[in-house]
Amino acid sequence: MDDLIISKKKPSFPIKPKLHEYLSEYNRNIKIPIFYDDLLRFQGSIVVYDKEDNDTLWIRVYYNEFERQEIELSLKKVYTILHSDGNENTIPFLSVDAIDFCTFGNSKPFRIKIRNILNDNFTYFYIKTADASRVYGLELEHMLSPYNLNFLVYKDTLIEEHIAGIPGDEFIKNFLPKCDKSEKSQIAKEFVKFNERCMIRLLGDMRSYNYVIVPTHDFDHVVYKIRAIDFDQQSYEGKFNVYRPQFFKENLKMVELVSETFQKLSIDQYKIEERSILVKRLKSFHGRIDELVDCMVNDVISKTANIDLLKGKIFEYTLDAEFMECQSMGQILKKSLEFLTQNYENINPANFR
């Protein structure tokens, strides 16, 4: 398993006017009453621990009384914009139970817990700095994965809905050993498909704590799905294997599960299934995907050295010389999606090993 070194501090790339126009066209760019920087004015904090008293790497922040009232009202308004039409009639029934801040990773997000005081139902959303590569990652996930995503952008602030599920690292440690043979086979299949999807759309750094396992009860069994939750490493790194979850040591148990469960023929079959579904999604979102990729082609979301390294590595895997002509990460992704579509009629797993 390769030793993958990921940039510890990926730069944040600003959202340029063309991407803002795209976001406005698809109702992602909406005025909100609070900015990321407003939440940085907290007066103090306490460490948040989990049920086993382990440090979660989140801190619960608090504000002075005057600012707290204004900030909480603004956060309730953001919730109504994100989850409905912005109608403020429900605000009196909402409570901001917690504002948590994470200093781990690149995005340094705030996690907001909103509770409905009438029935005690609660949900979370996140406030981050709006980074262009993260926005591209969210949009691509929305269109090319089985899951819709809800997020908003206003100037330099990004609002993301919470993606529910069991963190991959926690699932691998505490839940996977208890799964029966049938469940493990299903999880192995999902990991093969997840690995393929991330590779083709160039979503990097899917270590076990950057995705969740979503169990759903269906009649007499449980269906497991894998969902990415971190889109910070969309089309940035130069190492091709960064975009292939199977090469991270944190996913070793999942890789072993696939090897123990399937022969190569079955693995290839699931890869073909995922590519076929991706092509169908590409056709379904054809115009929108083209607009997004067009923004990406002309945007700067990586370093020249990373672009040169990645296109060379993908050329080695595909033997398609057109990858070597790419001058941006957007062009590499565009060519990757074109390669997928062109090979759809006679897909051969050896084409994309």
Protein backbone atom coordinates (compact mmCIF):
# COMPACT_ATOMS: atom_id res chain seq x y z
CA MET A 1 0.00 0.00 0.00
CA ASP A 2 1.50 3.30 -1.13
CA ASP A 3 2.77 5.90 1.31
CA LEU A 4 0.52 8.80 0.38
CA ILE A 5 1.61 12.24 1.50
CA ILE A 6 -1.16 14.82 1.26
CA SER A 7 -0.53 18.54 1.53
CA LYS A 8 -1.13 19.36 5.17
CA LYS A 9 -2.20 22.88 4.30
CA LYS A 10 -3.98 23.13 1.01
CA PRO A 11 -4.45 26.79 0.06
CA SER A 12 -7.96 28.14 -0.10
CA PHE A 13 -8.91 29.22 -3.62
CA PRO A 14 -11.30 32.17 -4.05
CA ILE A 15 -14.58 31.76 -5.88
CA LYS A 16 -14.28 33.67 -9.13
CA PRO A 17 -17.14 35.59 -10.83
CA LYS A 18 -17.87 32.82 -13.36
CA LEU A 19 -18.38 30.25 -10.60
CA HIS A 20 -20.51 32.76 -8.64
CA GLU A 21 -22.68 33.14 -11.76
CA TYR A 22 -23.06 29.37 -11.99
CA LEU A 23 -24.02 29.15 -8.30
CA SER A 24 -26.57 31.94 -8.73
CA GLU A 25 -28.12 30.18 -11.73
CA TYR A 26 -28.73 27.04 -9.67
CA ASN A 27 -29.86 28.82 -6.47
CA ARG A 28 -26.69 28.09 -4.52
CA ASN A 29 -25.62 31.74 -4.23
CA ILE A 30 -28.05 33.30 -1.77
CA LYS A 31 -27.63 36.22 0.61
CA ILE A 32 -27.28 35.11 4.21
CA PRO A 33 -27.21 37.24 7.39
CA ILE A 34 -23.88 36.03 8.83
CA PHE A 35 -20.33 35.41 7.65
CA TYR A 36 -17.74 32.85 8.69
CA ASP A 37 -15.56 35.62 10.17
CA ASP A 38 -18.42 36.73 12.44
CA LEU A 39 -18.26 33.41 14.27
CA LEU A 40 -14.53 33.80 14.91
CA ARG A 41 -15.26 36.50 17.51
CA PHE A 42 -15.92 34.02 20.30
CA GLN A 43 -14.83 34.94 23.82
CA GLY A 44 -13.86 31.50 25.03
CA SER A 45 -14.31 27.76 24.60
CA ILE A 46 -14.40 24.34 26.24
CA VAL A 47 -13.27 20.98 24.83
CA VAL A 48 -15.98 18.66 23.48
CA TYR A 49 -15.59 15.00 24.50
CA ASP A 50 -17.40 11.95 23.14
CA LYS A 51 -19.25 9.33 25.19
CA GLU A 52 -15.97 7.58 26.00
CA ASP A 53 -14.39 10.84 27.17
CA ASN A 54 -12.13 11.06 24.12
CA ASP A 55 -11.22 14.49 22.76
CA THR A 56 -13.29 15.01 19.59
CA LEU A 57 -10.97 17.81 18.35
CA TRP A 58 -13.99 20.13 18.49
CA ILE A 59 -14.34 22.98 20.97
CA ARG A 60 -17.64 24.53 22.09
CA VAL A 61 -17.41 28.29 21.78
CA TYR A 62 -19.32 31.07 23.52
CA TYR A 63 -19.81 34.77 22.91
CA ASN A 64 -20.52 37.83 24.99
CA GLU A 65 -24.21 38.40 25.71
CA PHE A 66 -24.78 41.19 23.17
CA GLU A 67 -23.18 39.34 20.28
CA ARG A 68 -24.66 35.99 21.23
CA GLN A 69 -28.26 37.13 20.70
CA GLU A 70 -27.45 38.62 17.29
CA ILE A 71 -25.41 35.59 16.18
CA GLU A 72 -28.04 33.06 17.30
CA LEU A 73 -30.81 34.95 15.48
CA SER A 74 -28.70 35.02 12.31
CA LEU A 75 -27.98 31.29 12.59
CA LYS A 76 -31.69 30.52 12.92
CA LYS A 77 -32.32 32.57 9.77
CA VAL A 78 -29.59 30.60 7.96
CA TYR A 79 -31.30 27.38 9.01
CA THR A 80 -34.64 28.51 7.54
CA ILE A 81 -32.93 29.52 4.27
CA LEU A 82 -31.05 26.21 4.02
CA HIS A 83 -33.95 23.93 4.87
CA SER A 84 -36.98 25.82 3.61
CA ASP A 85 -37.86 29.05 1.82
CA GLY A 86 -36.44 31.41 4.42
CA ASN A 87 -39.81 31.93 6.11
CA GLU A 88 -39.04 33.36 9.56
CA ASN A 89 -42.31 32.32 11.20
CA THR A 90 -40.59 29.24 12.64
CA ILE A 91 -37.71 31.16 14.25
CA PRO A 92 -39.43 31.47 17.69
CA PHE A 93 -39.51 27.66 17.83
CA LEU A 94 -35.82 27.18 17.08
CA SER A 95 -32.96 27.03 19.56
CA VAL A 96 -29.22 27.20 18.90
CA ASP A 97 -28.06 24.48 21.28
CA ALA A 98 -24.36 24.57 20.42
CA ILE A 99 -21.75 26.29 18.27
CA ASP A 100 -18.65 24.10 17.90
CA PHE A 101 -15.37 24.94 16.19
CA CYS A 102 -12.84 22.48 14.77
CA THR A 103 -9.20 23.50 14.38
CA PHE A 104 -8.32 20.15 12.75
CA GLY A 105 -7.90 20.07 8.97
CA ASN A 106 -8.02 22.75 6.32
CA SER A 107 -11.59 24.01 6.47
CA LYS A 108 -11.73 24.83 10.22
CA PRO A 109 -15.53 24.62 10.22
CA PHE A 110 -18.13 25.77 12.71
CA ARG A 111 -20.79 23.14 13.49
CA ILE A 112 -24.18 24.55 14.46
CA LYS A 113 -26.74 22.46 16.36
CA ILE A 114 -30.30 23.68 15.82
CA ARG A 115 -33.16 22.23 17.89
CA ASN A 116 -36.92 22.55 17.45
CA ILE A 117 -38.17 23.33 20.96
CA LEU A 118 -41.66 21.99 20.18
CA ASN A 119 -40.55 18.40 19.62
CA ASP A 120 -36.83 18.28 20.52
CA ASN A 121 -35.81 17.25 16.99
CA PHE A 122 -32.42 18.64 16.10
CA THR A 123 -30.05 18.85 13.17
CA TYR A 124 -26.66 20.29 12.31
CA PHE A 125 -25.20 22.47 9.61
CA TYR A 126 -21.67 23.74 8.99
CA ILE A 127 -20.24 27.17 8.25
CA LYS A 128 -16.89 27.30 6.46
CA THR A 129 -14.72 29.58 4.37
CA ALA A 130 -15.90 29.35 0.78
CA ASP A 131 -13.12 27.55 -1.09
CA ALA A 132 -13.56 27.05 -4.85
CA SER A 133 -12.23 23.48 -4.89
CA ARG A 134 -14.63 22.53 -2.08
CA VAL A 135 -17.56 24.05 -3.96
CA TYR A 136 -16.61 22.08 -7.09
CA GLY A 137 -16.43 18.95 -4.96
CA LEU A 138 -19.89 19.53 -3.47
CA GLU A 139 -21.48 20.18 -6.87
CA LEU A 140 -19.84 17.13 -8.45
CA GLU A 141 -21.01 15.00 -5.54
CA HIS A 142 -24.53 16.35 -5.99
CA MET A 143 -24.61 15.37 -9.66
CA LEU A 144 -22.36 12.30 -9.94
CA SER A 145 -23.09 10.42 -6.73
CA PRO A 146 -26.38 8.79 -5.67
CA TYR A 147 -26.90 11.60 -3.14
CA ASN A 148 -28.22 15.15 -3.40
CA LEU A 149 -26.42 17.83 -1.42
CA ASN A 150 -27.79 21.04 0.04
CA PHE A 151 -25.39 23.97 0.45
CA LEU A 152 -25.28 27.75 0.06
CA VAL A 153 -22.55 30.22 -0.80
CA TYR A 154 -22.52 33.93 -0.04
CA LYS A 155 -19.36 35.88 -0.87
CA ASP A 156 -16.61 34.12 1.13
CA THR A 157 -18.87 31.99 3.35
CA LEU A 158 -20.07 28.43 2.69
CA ILE A 159 -23.02 26.79 4.43
CA GLU A 160 -23.25 22.97 4.25
CA GLU A 161 -25.98 20.68 5.50
CA HIS A 162 -24.97 17.82 7.78
CA ILE A 163 -24.46 14.39 6.18
CA ALA A 164 -25.70 11.81 8.65
CA GLY A 165 -23.95 8.47 9.09
CA ILE A 166 -21.40 6.52 11.10
CA PRO A 167 -17.86 7.87 10.59
CA GLY A 168 -15.88 5.35 8.55
CA ASP A 169 -13.11 4.92 11.12
CA GLU A 170 -15.64 4.30 13.90
CA PHE A 171 -17.59 1.86 11.73
CA ILE A 172 -14.48 -0.12 10.78
CA LYS A 173 -13.42 -0.39 14.42
CA ASN A 174 -16.71 -0.98 16.23
CA PHE A 175 -19.36 -2.14 13.74
CA LEU A 176 -17.68 -4.03 10.91
CA PRO A 177 -16.49 -6.95 13.10
CA LYS A 178 -20.12 -7.54 14.17
CA CYS A 179 -21.49 -7.69 10.62
CA ASP A 180 -22.49 -11.07 9.21
CA LYS A 181 -21.15 -12.52 5.96
CA SER A 182 -23.94 -11.09 3.81
CA GLU A 183 -23.52 -7.60 5.28
CA LYS A 184 -19.75 -7.68 4.81
CA SER A 185 -20.22 -8.68 1.18
CA GLN A 186 -22.56 -5.75 0.64
CA ILE A 187 -20.12 -3.32 2.33
CA ALA A 188 -17.26 -4.66 0.20
CA LYS A 189 -19.32 -4.07 -2.94
CA GLU A 190 -20.09 -0.50 -1.87
CA PHE A 191 -16.41 0.21 -1.18
CA VAL A 192 -15.45 -0.97 -4.68
CA LYS A 193 -18.05 1.38 -6.18
CA PHE A 194 -17.10 4.24 -3.87
CA ASN A 195 -13.43 3.79 -4.79
CA GLU A 196 -14.27 3.88 -8.50
CA ARG A 197 -16.47 6.95 -8.21
CA CYS A 198 -13.85 8.94 -6.28
CA MET A 199 -11.13 8.02 -8.80
CA ILE A 200 -13.09 9.04 -11.88
CA ARG A 201 -14.32 12.37 -10.49
CA LEU A 202 -10.97 13.11 -8.79
CA LEU A 203 -12.18 13.40 -5.19
CA GLY A 204 -9.12 12.93 -3.02
CA ASP A 205 -8.26 12.07 0.59
CA MET A 206 -11.07 9.64 1.31
CA ARG A 207 -9.47 8.27 4.43
CA SER A 208 -11.88 6.51 6.75
CA TYR A 209 -12.71 9.63 8.76
CA ASN A 210 -13.67 11.56 5.61
CA TYR A 211 -16.63 9.36 4.70
CA VAL A 212 -19.56 7.87 6.58
CA ILE A 213 -21.37 4.53 6.44
CA VAL A 214 -25.14 4.94 6.23
CA PRO A 215 -27.15 1.90 7.39
CA THR A 216 -30.79 1.72 6.27
CA HIS A 217 -33.22 -0.94 7.48
CA ASP A 218 -35.02 -2.60 4.56
CA PHE A 219 -37.51 -5.36 5.41
CA ASP A 220 -35.44 -8.14 7.01
CA HIS A 221 -31.95 -6.75 6.42
CA VAL A 222 -29.80 -3.63 6.62
CA VAL A 223 -28.55 -1.85 3.51
CA TYR A 224 -25.18 -0.08 3.82
CA LYS A 225 -24.08 2.88 1.72
CA ILE A 226 -20.85 4.93 1.74
CA ARG A 227 -20.99 8.72 1.49
CA ALA A 228 -18.15 11.22 1.27
CA ILE A 229 -18.39 14.06 3.81
CA ASP A 230 -15.23 16.07 3.09
CA PHE A 231 -14.72 17.73 -0.29
CA ASP A 232 -11.64 19.78 0.50
CA GLN A 233 -9.37 17.67 -1.74
CA GLN A 234 -11.29 17.93 -4.99
CA SER A 235 -8.78 17.95 -7.88
CA TYR A 236 -5.81 19.40 -5.98
CA GLU A 237 -3.15 16.74 -5.36
CA GLY A 238 -0.82 15.43 -8.06
CA LYS A 239 -0.59 11.80 -6.92
CA PHE A 240 -3.22 9.75 -8.72
CA ASN A 241 -3.57 7.29 -5.84
CA VAL A 242 -4.74 10.12 -3.56
CA TYR A 243 -8.01 9.84 -5.51
CA ARG A 244 -8.28 6.09 -4.86
CA PRO A 245 -9.48 5.30 -1.30
CA GLN A 246 -8.02 1.77 -1.53
CA PHE A 247 -4.49 3.13 -1.15
CA PHE A 248 -4.92 4.76 2.27
CA LYS A 249 -3.75 2.72 5.23
CA GLU A 250 -6.81 3.89 7.17
CA ASN A 251 -8.92 1.86 4.70
CA LEU A 252 -6.82 -1.31 4.92
CA LYS A 253 -9.61 -3.29 6.64
CA MET A 254 -11.99 -2.38 3.83
CA VAL A 255 -9.45 -3.40 1.18
CA GLU A 256 -8.86 -6.71 2.96
CA LEU A 257 -12.61 -7.25 3.13
CA VAL A 258 -12.89 -6.78 -0.65
CA SER A 259 -9.98 -9.19 -1.27
CA GLU A 260 -11.45 -11.83 1.03
CA THR A 261 -14.95 -11.50 -0.40
CA PHE A 262 -14.58 -11.12 -4.17
CA GLN A 263 -12.57 -12.51 -7.02
CA LYS A 264 -11.25 -10.11 -9.66
CA LEU A 265 -14.17 -10.88 -11.98
CA SER A 266 -16.70 -9.64 -9.42
CA ILE A 267 -14.65 -6.55 -8.65
CA ASP A 268 -14.50 -5.70 -12.35
CA GLN A 269 -18.25 -6.23 -12.62
CA TYR A 270 -18.95 -3.70 -9.84
CA LYS A 271 -16.54 -1.21 -11.42
CA ILE A 272 -18.42 -1.52 -14.71
CA GLU A 273 -21.74 -1.04 -12.90
CA GLU A 274 -20.50 2.17 -11.26
CA ARG A 275 -19.09 3.57 -14.49
CA SER A 276 -22.34 2.82 -16.28
CA ILE A 277 -24.32 4.65 -13.59
CA LEU A 278 -21.89 7.58 -13.76
CA VAL A 279 -22.45 7.86 -17.50
CA LYS A 280 -26.21 7.92 -16.94
CA ARG A 281 -25.82 10.69 -14.37
CA LEU A 282 -23.60 12.63 -16.75
CA LYS A 283 -26.30 12.45 -19.40
CA SER A 284 -28.99 13.41 -16.90
CA PHE A 285 -27.10 16.53 -15.74
CA HIS A 286 -25.51 17.12 -19.16
CA GLY A 287 -25.92 20.90 -19.47
CA ARG A 288 -25.27 21.62 -15.80
CA ILE A 289 -22.17 19.43 -15.71
CA ASP A 290 -20.83 21.18 -18.81
CA GLU A 291 -21.33 24.59 -17.19
CA LEU A 292 -19.59 23.53 -13.99
CA VAL A 293 -16.66 21.90 -15.75
CA ASP A 294 -16.34 24.96 -18.00
CA CYS A 295 -15.92 27.08 -14.85
CA MET A 296 -13.38 24.58 -13.54
CA VAL A 297 -11.35 24.41 -16.77
CA ASN A 298 -10.61 28.13 -16.56
CA ASP A 299 -10.10 28.23 -12.79
CA VAL A 300 -6.96 27.84 -10.69
CA ILE A 301 -7.49 25.21 -7.99
CA SER A 302 -4.07 23.56 -7.84
CA LYS A 303 -0.35 24.02 -8.51
CA THR A 304 1.29 23.52 -11.89
CA ALA A 305 3.51 20.78 -10.45
CA ASN A 306 0.43 18.85 -9.24
CA ILE A 307 -1.28 19.21 -12.62
CA ASP A 308 1.78 17.94 -14.50
CA LEU A 309 2.24 14.99 -12.13
CA LEU A 310 -1.42 13.94 -12.22
CA LYS A 311 -1.88 14.09 -15.98
CA GLY A 312 1.28 12.01 -16.43
CA LYS A 313 0.05 9.38 -13.97
CA ILE A 314 -3.41 9.17 -15.56
CA PHE A 315 -1.77 8.84 -18.98
CA GLU A 316 0.16 5.83 -17.65
CA TYR A 317 -3.13 4.22 -16.59
CA THR A 318 -5.23 5.07 -19.63
CA LEU A 319 -2.61 5.40 -22.42
CA ASP A 320 -4.71 8.29 -23.72
CA ALA A 321 -2.29 10.96 -24.96
CA GLU A 322 -4.93 13.71 -24.73
CA PHE A 323 -4.42 13.79 -20.94
CA MET A 324 -0.90 15.10 -21.55
CA GLU A 325 -2.34 18.18 -23.27
CA CYS A 326 -4.29 19.28 -20.17
CA GLN A 327 -3.18 22.57 -18.59
CA SER A 328 -5.52 22.72 -15.60
CA MET A 329 -7.21 20.39 -13.11
CA GLY A 330 -10.52 21.25 -14.75
CA GLN A 331 -9.21 20.03 -18.09
CA ILE A 332 -8.02 16.77 -16.51
CA LEU A 333 -11.45 16.19 -14.96
CA LYS A 334 -13.18 17.08 -18.24
CA LYS A 335 -10.99 14.61 -20.10
CA SER A 336 -11.61 11.96 -17.42
CA LEU A 337 -15.39 12.28 -17.85
CA GLU A 338 -15.04 12.25 -21.66
CA PHE A 339 -12.86 9.13 -21.44
CA LEU A 340 -15.52 7.47 -19.32
CA THR A 341 -18.31 8.36 -21.74
CA GLN A 342 -16.38 7.38 -24.87
CA ASN A 343 -15.61 3.95 -23.44
CA TYR A 344 -19.14 3.36 -22.16
CA GLU A 345 -20.28 1.10 -25.00
CA ASN A 346 -17.37 -1.31 -24.64
CA ILE A 347 -16.08 -0.71 -21.12
CA ASN A 348 -13.05 -2.78 -20.25
CA PRO A 349 -11.83 -2.58 -16.62
CA ALA A 350 -8.26 -2.80 -17.90
CA ASN A 351 -8.71 0.66 -19.42
CA PHE A 352 -8.82 2.21 -15.98
CA ARG A 353 -6.97 -0.17 -13.72
